[in-house]
Amino acid sequence: FNDKDTLVKEDDGWILEGEGDFPLDPDKVKSLVKGLETLAAEDAFNAADELSAYGLLEPGFKVKITGKKGTEEEILFGKSLDGGKCYLKTDLSDNIYIVSEDITEYLDIYLLAELKEIKGFNRANITSLTINGKKLNEEKEKAVISCLEEGVKFTSFINNSPTQEQLNEYGLINGTEFYVKNEEGEFSVTIGNTAQNGGSYVLYNERVYTLSKSFCDAVKAAEA
């Protein structure tokens, strides 16, 4: 989280302020809230050095919590320690605390995004499958359908509102167009450059994700 990332609880769930269409995963947000509620210090002490010595002057994460009655608390997550711990400080105390840093895996807003798995497509129910608008020969189609039958996984969320420049960097302006349809629905993505996690950047519902390597490799091989 940074100063511009604000989660707001509404009647029907949590939203990212200013980006109401951000695909938050309700279960991940629930884990974040529960983790903050149950965060327990394993040690506490008065700072003998400047906050910078604990990574708290420019913290890795800063969380501001506002209660229903307007009460506020700011939490700073500082330098990591051995054993999966880190320093923490709140604006309600002069103490510095040592806590588990497990909670920090939910403090990157992009890690709170929902990552779908596309299922339900198989050789028996697919009515249309194309790459760049063209049908495949039997051998190539078989390889792609085999990956679909295993399930196609989004592996990370990258960008909620990509610019044309960013789409070009991801290789999505002139990427590979994949489309499949059955009686239950359809699935289409544009596949771009290889990402650092081994998969590929994809454009799906106007958002950028990375998609599982096995599927992207099969589509690109079928395109060749």
C-alpha atoms as a PDB file:
ATOM      1  CA  PHE A   1       0.000   0.000   0.000  1.00  0.00           C
ATOM      2  CA  ASN A   2       1.025   3.581  -0.484  1.00  0.00           C
ATOM      3  CA  ASP A   3      -0.613   6.952   0.136  1.00  0.00           C
ATOM      4  CA  LYS A   4      -2.878   6.581  -2.883  1.00  0.00           C
ATOM      5  CA  ASP A   5      -4.191   3.071  -2.153  1.00  0.00           C
ATOM      6  CA  THR A   6      -7.277   3.238   0.058  1.00  0.00           C
ATOM      7  CA  LEU A   7      -9.620   0.327   0.680  1.00  0.00           C
ATOM      8  CA  VAL A   8     -13.147   1.367   1.632  1.00  0.00           C
ATOM      9  CA  LYS A   9     -15.754  -0.960   3.101  1.00  0.00           C
ATOM     10  CA  GLU A  10     -19.192  -0.523   1.569  1.00  0.00           C
ATOM     11  CA  ASP A  11     -22.428  -2.397   2.167  1.00  0.00           C
ATOM     12  CA  ASP A  12     -21.666  -4.996  -0.493  1.00  0.00           C
ATOM     13  CA  GLY A  13     -17.959  -5.366   0.246  1.00  0.00           C
ATOM     14  CA  TRP A  14     -14.594  -3.664  -0.109  1.00  0.00           C
ATOM     15  CA  ILE A  15     -13.541  -1.438  -3.015  1.00  0.00           C
ATOM     16  CA  LEU A  16     -10.354   0.372  -3.963  1.00  0.00           C
ATOM     17  CA  GLU A  17     -11.145   4.075  -3.689  1.00  0.00           C
ATOM     18  CA  GLY A  18     -10.966   5.804  -7.054  1.00  0.00           C
ATOM     19  CA  GLU A  19     -10.904   2.485  -8.897  1.00  0.00           C
ATOM     20  CA  GLY A  20     -14.228   0.872  -8.123  1.00  0.00           C
ATOM     21  CA  ASP A  21     -13.701  -1.663 -10.901  1.00  0.00           C
ATOM     22  CA  PHE A  22     -10.435  -2.962  -9.423  1.00  0.00           C
ATOM     23  CA  PRO A  23     -10.878  -6.773  -9.172  1.00  0.00           C
ATOM     24  CA  LEU A  24     -10.330  -7.214  -5.436  1.00  0.00           C
ATOM     25  CA  ASP A  25     -10.434 -10.771  -4.141  1.00  0.00           C
ATOM     26  CA  PRO A  26     -12.852 -10.736  -1.165  1.00  0.00           C
ATOM     27  CA  ASP A  27     -11.055 -13.617   0.551  1.00  0.00           C
ATOM     28  CA  LYS A  28      -7.666 -11.888   0.329  1.00  0.00           C
ATOM     29  CA  VAL A  29      -9.075  -8.635   1.704  1.00  0.00           C
ATOM     30  CA  LYS A  30     -10.711 -10.606   4.521  1.00  0.00           C
ATOM     31  CA  SER A  31      -7.346 -12.195   5.342  1.00  0.00           C
ATOM     32  CA  LEU A  32      -5.712  -8.752   5.369  1.00  0.00           C
ATOM     33  CA  VAL A  33      -8.299  -7.296   7.750  1.00  0.00           C
ATOM     34  CA  LYS A  34      -8.167 -10.330  10.044  1.00  0.00           C
ATOM     35  CA  GLY A  35      -4.369 -10.233  10.004  1.00  0.00           C
ATOM     36  CA  LEU A  36      -4.319  -6.581  11.076  1.00  0.00           C
ATOM     37  CA  GLU A  37      -6.913  -7.239  13.770  1.00  0.00           C
ATOM     38  CA  THR A  38      -4.940 -10.137  15.261  1.00  0.00           C
ATOM     39  CA  LEU A  39      -1.423  -8.765  14.733  1.00  0.00           C
ATOM     40  CA  ALA A  40       0.507  -9.526  17.914  1.00  0.00           C
ATOM     41  CA  ALA A  41       3.926  -8.251  18.983  1.00  0.00           C
ATOM     42  CA  GLU A  42       6.568 -10.825  19.875  1.00  0.00           C
ATOM     43  CA  ASP A  43       8.736  -8.165  21.476  1.00  0.00           C
ATOM     44  CA  ALA A  44       8.612  -4.437  22.214  1.00  0.00           C
ATOM     45  CA  PHE A  45      11.263  -1.881  23.166  1.00  0.00           C
ATOM     46  CA  ASN A  46      12.014   1.835  23.213  1.00  0.00           C
ATOM     47  CA  ALA A  47      14.032   2.949  20.213  1.00  0.00           C
ATOM     48  CA  ALA A  48      17.691   3.466  21.059  1.00  0.00           C
ATOM     49  CA  ASP A  49      18.511   4.687  17.563  1.00  0.00           C
ATOM     50  CA  GLU A  50      16.911   6.815  14.886  1.00  0.00           C
ATOM     51  CA  LEU A  51      13.876   5.320  13.150  1.00  0.00           C
ATOM     52  CA  SER A  52      15.957   4.908  10.008  1.00  0.00           C
ATOM     53  CA  ALA A  53      17.959   2.187  11.771  1.00  0.00           C
ATOM     54  CA  TYR A  54      14.806   0.082  11.867  1.00  0.00           C
ATOM     55  CA  GLY A  55      13.646   0.902   8.355  1.00  0.00           C
ATOM     56  CA  LEU A  56      10.813   2.999   9.780  1.00  0.00           C
ATOM     57  CA  LEU A  57      11.762   6.443   8.484  1.00  0.00           C
ATOM     58  CA  GLU A  58      10.962   5.282   4.956  1.00  0.00           C
ATOM     59  CA  PRO A  59       8.921   2.165   5.719  1.00  0.00           C
ATOM     60  CA  GLY A  60       8.320  -0.616   3.246  1.00  0.00           C
ATOM     61  CA  PHE A  61       4.613  -0.370   3.965  1.00  0.00           C
ATOM     62  CA  LYS A  62       2.475   2.245   5.689  1.00  0.00           C
ATOM     63  CA  VAL A  63      -1.100   1.399   6.665  1.00  0.00           C
ATOM     64  CA  LYS A  64      -3.630   3.880   7.979  1.00  0.00           C
ATOM     65  CA  ILE A  65      -6.716   2.365   9.591  1.00  0.00           C
ATOM     66  CA  THR A  66      -9.871   4.417  10.058  1.00  0.00           C
ATOM     67  CA  GLY A  67     -12.588   2.980  12.301  1.00  0.00           C
ATOM     68  CA  LYS A  68     -16.340   3.386  11.933  1.00  0.00           C
ATOM     69  CA  LYS A  69     -16.325   6.160  14.541  1.00  0.00           C
ATOM     70  CA  GLY A  70     -13.490   8.036  12.849  1.00  0.00           C
ATOM     71  CA  THR A  71     -10.678   6.752  15.034  1.00  0.00           C
ATOM     72  CA  GLU A  72      -7.355   6.493  13.219  1.00  0.00           C
ATOM     73  CA  GLU A  73      -4.146   4.520  13.604  1.00  0.00           C
ATOM     74  CA  GLU A  74      -1.085   4.520  11.367  1.00  0.00           C
ATOM     75  CA  ILE A  75       1.103   1.428  11.222  1.00  0.00           C
ATOM     76  CA  LEU A  76       4.607   1.399   9.763  1.00  0.00           C
ATOM     77  CA  PHE A  77       6.262  -1.843   8.666  1.00  0.00           C
ATOM     78  CA  GLY A  78      10.044  -1.557   8.683  1.00  0.00           C
ATOM     79  CA  LYS A  79      13.166  -3.617   8.143  1.00  0.00           C
ATOM     80  CA  SER A  80      12.915  -7.399   7.845  1.00  0.00           C
ATOM     81  CA  LEU A  81      14.609  -9.617  10.430  1.00  0.00           C
ATOM     82  CA  ASP A  82      15.657 -13.256  10.489  1.00  0.00           C
ATOM     83  CA  GLY A  83      12.908 -15.779  11.026  1.00  0.00           C
ATOM     84  CA  GLY A  84      10.239 -13.980   9.026  1.00  0.00           C
ATOM     85  CA  LYS A  85       9.950 -11.044  11.430  1.00  0.00           C
ATOM     86  CA  CYS A  86      10.037  -7.289  10.928  1.00  0.00           C
ATOM     87  CA  TYR A  87      10.009  -4.044  12.891  1.00  0.00           C
ATOM     88  CA  LEU A  88       6.703  -2.237  13.346  1.00  0.00           C
ATOM     89  CA  LYS A  89       5.666   1.068  14.843  1.00  0.00           C
ATOM     90  CA  THR A  90       2.306   2.755  15.325  1.00  0.00           C
ATOM     91  CA  ASP A  91       1.561   6.421  15.870  1.00  0.00           C
ATOM     92  CA  LEU A  92      -0.165   5.491  19.141  1.00  0.00           C
ATOM     93  CA  SER A  93       3.052   4.518  20.906  1.00  0.00           C
ATOM     94  CA  ASP A  94       6.739   5.387  21.056  1.00  0.00           C
ATOM     95  CA  ASN A  95       7.586   1.696  21.234  1.00  0.00           C
ATOM     96  CA  ILE A  96       8.994  -0.341  18.376  1.00  0.00           C
ATOM     97  CA  TYR A  97       7.591  -3.831  18.000  1.00  0.00           C
ATOM     98  CA  ILE A  98       8.792  -7.042  16.413  1.00  0.00           C
ATOM     99  CA  VAL A  99       6.033  -8.902  14.584  1.00  0.00           C
ATOM    100  CA  SER A 100       5.597 -11.632  12.010  1.00  0.00           C
ATOM    101  CA  GLU A 101       5.872 -10.180   8.515  1.00  0.00           C
ATOM    102  CA  ASP A 102       3.402 -12.693   7.056  1.00  0.00           C
ATOM    103  CA  ILE A 103       0.803  -9.931   6.898  1.00  0.00           C
ATOM    104  CA  THR A 104       2.950  -7.939   4.451  1.00  0.00           C
ATOM    105  CA  GLU A 105       2.122 -10.347   1.610  1.00  0.00           C
ATOM    106  CA  TYR A 106      -1.290  -8.670   1.523  1.00  0.00           C
ATOM    107  CA  LEU A 107       0.049  -5.109   1.639  1.00  0.00           C
ATOM    108  CA  ASP A 108       0.731  -4.895  -2.092  1.00  0.00           C
ATOM    109  CA  ILE A 109      -2.568  -3.820  -3.640  1.00  0.00           C
ATOM    110  CA  TYR A 110      -1.899  -5.896  -6.744  1.00  0.00           C
ATOM    111  CA  LEU A 111      -1.548  -9.032  -4.624  1.00  0.00           C
ATOM    112  CA  LEU A 112      -5.122  -8.442  -3.435  1.00  0.00           C
ATOM    113  CA  ALA A 113      -6.463  -8.835  -6.965  1.00  0.00           C
ATOM    114  CA  GLU A 114      -8.589 -11.836  -7.821  1.00  0.00           C
ATOM    115  CA  LEU A 115      -6.793 -14.347 -10.041  1.00  0.00           C
ATOM    116  CA  LYS A 116      -9.268 -16.496 -11.896  1.00  0.00           C
ATOM    117  CA  GLU A 117      -8.808 -19.988 -13.241  1.00  0.00           C
ATOM    118  CA  ILE A 118     -10.529 -20.646 -16.553  1.00  0.00           C
ATOM    119  CA  LYS A 119     -12.169 -24.072 -16.504  1.00  0.00           C
ATOM    120  CA  GLY A 120     -14.871 -25.999 -18.320  1.00  0.00           C
ATOM    121  CA  PHE A 121     -13.487 -26.039 -21.867  1.00  0.00           C
ATOM    122  CA  ASN A 122     -12.835 -29.474 -23.348  1.00  0.00           C
ATOM    123  CA  ARG A 123     -12.764 -31.226 -26.697  1.00  0.00           C
ATOM    124  CA  ALA A 124     -16.373 -32.377 -26.355  1.00  0.00           C
ATOM    125  CA  ASN A 125     -17.946 -28.952 -25.729  1.00  0.00           C
ATOM    126  CA  ILE A 126     -15.795 -26.449 -27.635  1.00  0.00           C
ATOM    127  CA  THR A 127     -17.702 -24.959 -30.562  1.00  0.00           C
ATOM    128  CA  SER A 128     -15.087 -22.464 -31.758  1.00  0.00           C
ATOM    129  CA  LEU A 129     -11.343 -22.014 -31.239  1.00  0.00           C
ATOM    130  CA  THR A 130      -9.178 -19.554 -33.141  1.00  0.00           C
ATOM    131  CA  ILE A 131      -5.796 -17.862 -32.946  1.00  0.00           C
ATOM    132  CA  ASN A 132      -5.627 -14.476 -34.641  1.00  0.00           C
ATOM    133  CA  GLY A 133      -9.025 -15.234 -36.121  1.00  0.00           C
ATOM    134  CA  LYS A 134      -7.882 -18.448 -37.819  1.00  0.00           C
ATOM    135  CA  LYS A 135      -8.782 -22.056 -37.102  1.00  0.00           C
ATOM    136  CA  LEU A 136      -5.998 -24.511 -36.289  1.00  0.00           C
ATOM    137  CA  ASN A 137      -5.073 -27.822 -37.843  1.00  0.00           C
ATOM    138  CA  GLU A 138      -5.989 -30.891 -35.824  1.00  0.00           C
ATOM    139  CA  GLU A 139      -2.563 -31.415 -34.258  1.00  0.00           C
ATOM    140  CA  LYS A 140      -2.159 -27.826 -33.046  1.00  0.00           C
ATOM    141  CA  GLU A 141      -5.755 -27.651 -31.844  1.00  0.00           C
ATOM    142  CA  LYS A 142      -5.287 -30.823 -29.836  1.00  0.00           C
ATOM    143  CA  ALA A 143      -2.255 -29.350 -28.019  1.00  0.00           C
ATOM    144  CA  VAL A 144      -4.104 -26.143 -27.119  1.00  0.00           C
ATOM    145  CA  ILE A 145      -7.252 -27.957 -25.980  1.00  0.00           C
ATOM    146  CA  SER A 146      -5.115 -30.211 -23.774  1.00  0.00           C
ATOM    147  CA  CYS A 147      -3.945 -27.105 -21.887  1.00  0.00           C
ATOM    148  CA  LEU A 148      -7.499 -25.774 -21.651  1.00  0.00           C
ATOM    149  CA  GLU A 149      -8.675 -29.034 -20.142  1.00  0.00           C
ATOM    150  CA  GLU A 150      -6.044 -28.742 -17.411  1.00  0.00           C
ATOM    151  CA  GLY A 151      -7.339 -25.246 -16.543  1.00  0.00           C
ATOM    152  CA  VAL A 152      -5.811 -21.894 -17.448  1.00  0.00           C
ATOM    153  CA  LYS A 153      -4.489 -19.928 -14.479  1.00  0.00           C
ATOM    154  CA  PHE A 154      -3.872 -16.219 -14.141  1.00  0.00           C
ATOM    155  CA  THR A 155      -0.645 -16.033 -12.158  1.00  0.00           C
ATOM    156  CA  SER A 156      -0.394 -12.327 -11.276  1.00  0.00           C
ATOM    157  CA  PHE A 157      -2.197  -9.019 -11.694  1.00  0.00           C
ATOM    158  CA  ILE A 158      -0.191  -6.293 -13.434  1.00  0.00           C
ATOM    159  CA  ASN A 159      -2.211  -3.246 -14.430  1.00  0.00           C
ATOM    160  CA  ASN A 160      -5.826  -2.171 -13.994  1.00  0.00           C
ATOM    161  CA  SER A 161      -5.797   0.730 -16.489  1.00  0.00           C
ATOM    162  CA  PRO A 162      -2.900   0.276 -18.929  1.00  0.00           C
ATOM    163  CA  THR A 163      -1.920   3.098 -21.261  1.00  0.00           C
ATOM    164  CA  GLN A 164      -1.095   2.508 -24.919  1.00  0.00           C
ATOM    165  CA  GLU A 165       2.585   2.950 -24.087  1.00  0.00           C
ATOM    166  CA  GLN A 166       2.368   0.297 -21.382  1.00  0.00           C
ATOM    167  CA  LEU A 167       0.454  -2.081 -23.655  1.00  0.00           C
ATOM    168  CA  ASN A 168       3.251  -1.699 -26.172  1.00  0.00           C
ATOM    169  CA  GLU A 169       5.855  -2.503 -23.499  1.00  0.00           C
ATOM    170  CA  TYR A 170       3.926  -5.653 -22.596  1.00  0.00           C
ATOM    171  CA  GLY A 171       3.801  -6.687 -26.264  1.00  0.00           C
ATOM    172  CA  LEU A 172       0.017  -6.424 -26.312  1.00  0.00           C
ATOM    173  CA  ILE A 173      -0.525  -3.934 -29.133  1.00  0.00           C
ATOM    174  CA  ASN A 174       0.254  -6.580 -31.752  1.00  0.00           C
ATOM    175  CA  GLY A 175      -0.076  -9.631 -29.538  1.00  0.00           C
ATOM    176  CA  THR A 176      -1.526 -13.053 -30.236  1.00  0.00           C
ATOM    177  CA  GLU A 177      -5.331 -13.062 -30.168  1.00  0.00           C
ATOM    178  CA  PHE A 178      -6.782 -16.225 -28.631  1.00  0.00           C
ATOM    179  CA  TYR A 179     -10.484 -17.075 -28.600  1.00  0.00           C
ATOM    180  CA  VAL A 180     -12.443 -20.136 -27.496  1.00  0.00           C
ATOM    181  CA  LYS A 181     -16.164 -20.715 -27.070  1.00  0.00           C
ATOM    182  CA  ASN A 182     -18.531 -23.395 -25.829  1.00  0.00           C
ATOM    183  CA  GLU A 183     -22.245 -23.446 -25.002  1.00  0.00           C
ATOM    184  CA  GLU A 184     -21.573 -22.070 -21.511  1.00  0.00           C
ATOM    185  CA  GLY A 185     -19.512 -19.056 -22.518  1.00  0.00           C
ATOM    186  CA  GLU A 186     -16.357 -17.778 -24.136  1.00  0.00           C
ATOM    187  CA  PHE A 187     -12.804 -16.831 -23.196  1.00  0.00           C
ATOM    188  CA  SER A 188     -10.554 -14.468 -25.120  1.00  0.00           C
ATOM    189  CA  VAL A 189      -7.164 -12.929 -24.346  1.00  0.00           C
ATOM    190  CA  THR A 190      -4.382 -11.143 -26.145  1.00  0.00           C
ATOM    191  CA  ILE A 191      -1.013 -12.727 -25.357  1.00  0.00           C
ATOM    192  CA  GLY A 192       2.110 -10.569 -25.350  1.00  0.00           C
ATOM    193  CA  ASN A 193       5.714 -10.725 -24.181  1.00  0.00           C
ATOM    194  CA  THR A 194       7.175 -13.211 -21.737  1.00  0.00           C
ATOM    195  CA  ALA A 195       6.998 -11.956 -18.147  1.00  0.00           C
ATOM    196  CA  GLN A 196       9.590 -12.326 -15.394  1.00  0.00           C
ATOM    197  CA  ASN A 197       7.531 -15.053 -13.692  1.00  0.00           C
ATOM    198  CA  GLY A 198       7.850 -17.267 -16.778  1.00  0.00           C
ATOM    199  CA  GLY A 199       4.331 -16.795 -18.096  1.00  0.00           C
ATOM    200  CA  SER A 200       3.228 -14.124 -20.539  1.00  0.00           C
ATOM    201  CA  TYR A 201       1.548 -10.765 -20.247  1.00  0.00           C
ATOM    202  CA  VAL A 202      -2.068 -10.956 -21.367  1.00  0.00           C
ATOM    203  CA  LEU A 203      -4.853  -8.453 -21.878  1.00  0.00           C
ATOM    204  CA  TYR A 204      -8.120  -9.712 -20.410  1.00  0.00           C
ATOM    205  CA  ASN A 205     -11.207  -7.564 -19.884  1.00  0.00           C
ATOM    206  CA  GLU A 206      -9.036  -4.491 -20.586  1.00  0.00           C
ATOM    207  CA  ARG A 207      -6.701  -5.349 -17.699  1.00  0.00           C
ATOM    208  CA  VAL A 208      -3.188  -6.781 -17.806  1.00  0.00           C
ATOM    209  CA  TYR A 209      -2.347 -10.042 -16.055  1.00  0.00           C
ATOM    210  CA  THR A 210       0.193 -12.792 -16.496  1.00  0.00           C
ATOM    211  CA  LEU A 211      -1.058 -16.181 -17.553  1.00  0.00           C
ATOM    212  CA  SER A 212       0.325 -19.683 -16.982  1.00  0.00           C
ATOM    213  CA  LYS A 213       3.391 -20.542 -19.053  1.00  0.00           C
ATOM    214  CA  SER A 214       2.128 -23.888 -20.337  1.00  0.00           C
ATOM    215  CA  PHE A 215      -0.968 -22.374 -21.943  1.00  0.00           C
ATOM    216  CA  CYS A 216       0.820 -19.367 -23.445  1.00  0.00           C
ATOM    217  CA  ASP A 217       3.581 -21.569 -24.851  1.00  0.00           C
ATOM    218  CA  ALA A 218       0.999 -23.873 -26.437  1.00  0.00           C
ATOM    219  CA  VAL A 219      -0.835 -20.955 -28.065  1.00  0.00           C
ATOM    220  CA  LYS A 220       2.365 -19.383 -29.379  1.00  0.00           C
ATOM    221  CA  ALA A 221       3.541 -22.734 -30.748  1.00  0.00           C
ATOM    222  CA  ALA A 222       0.189 -23.203 -32.487  1.00  0.00           C
ATOM    223  CA  GLU A 223       0.468 -19.707 -33.973  1.00  0.00           C
ATOM    224  CA  ALA A 224       3.826 -20.484 -35.591  1.00  0.00           C
END
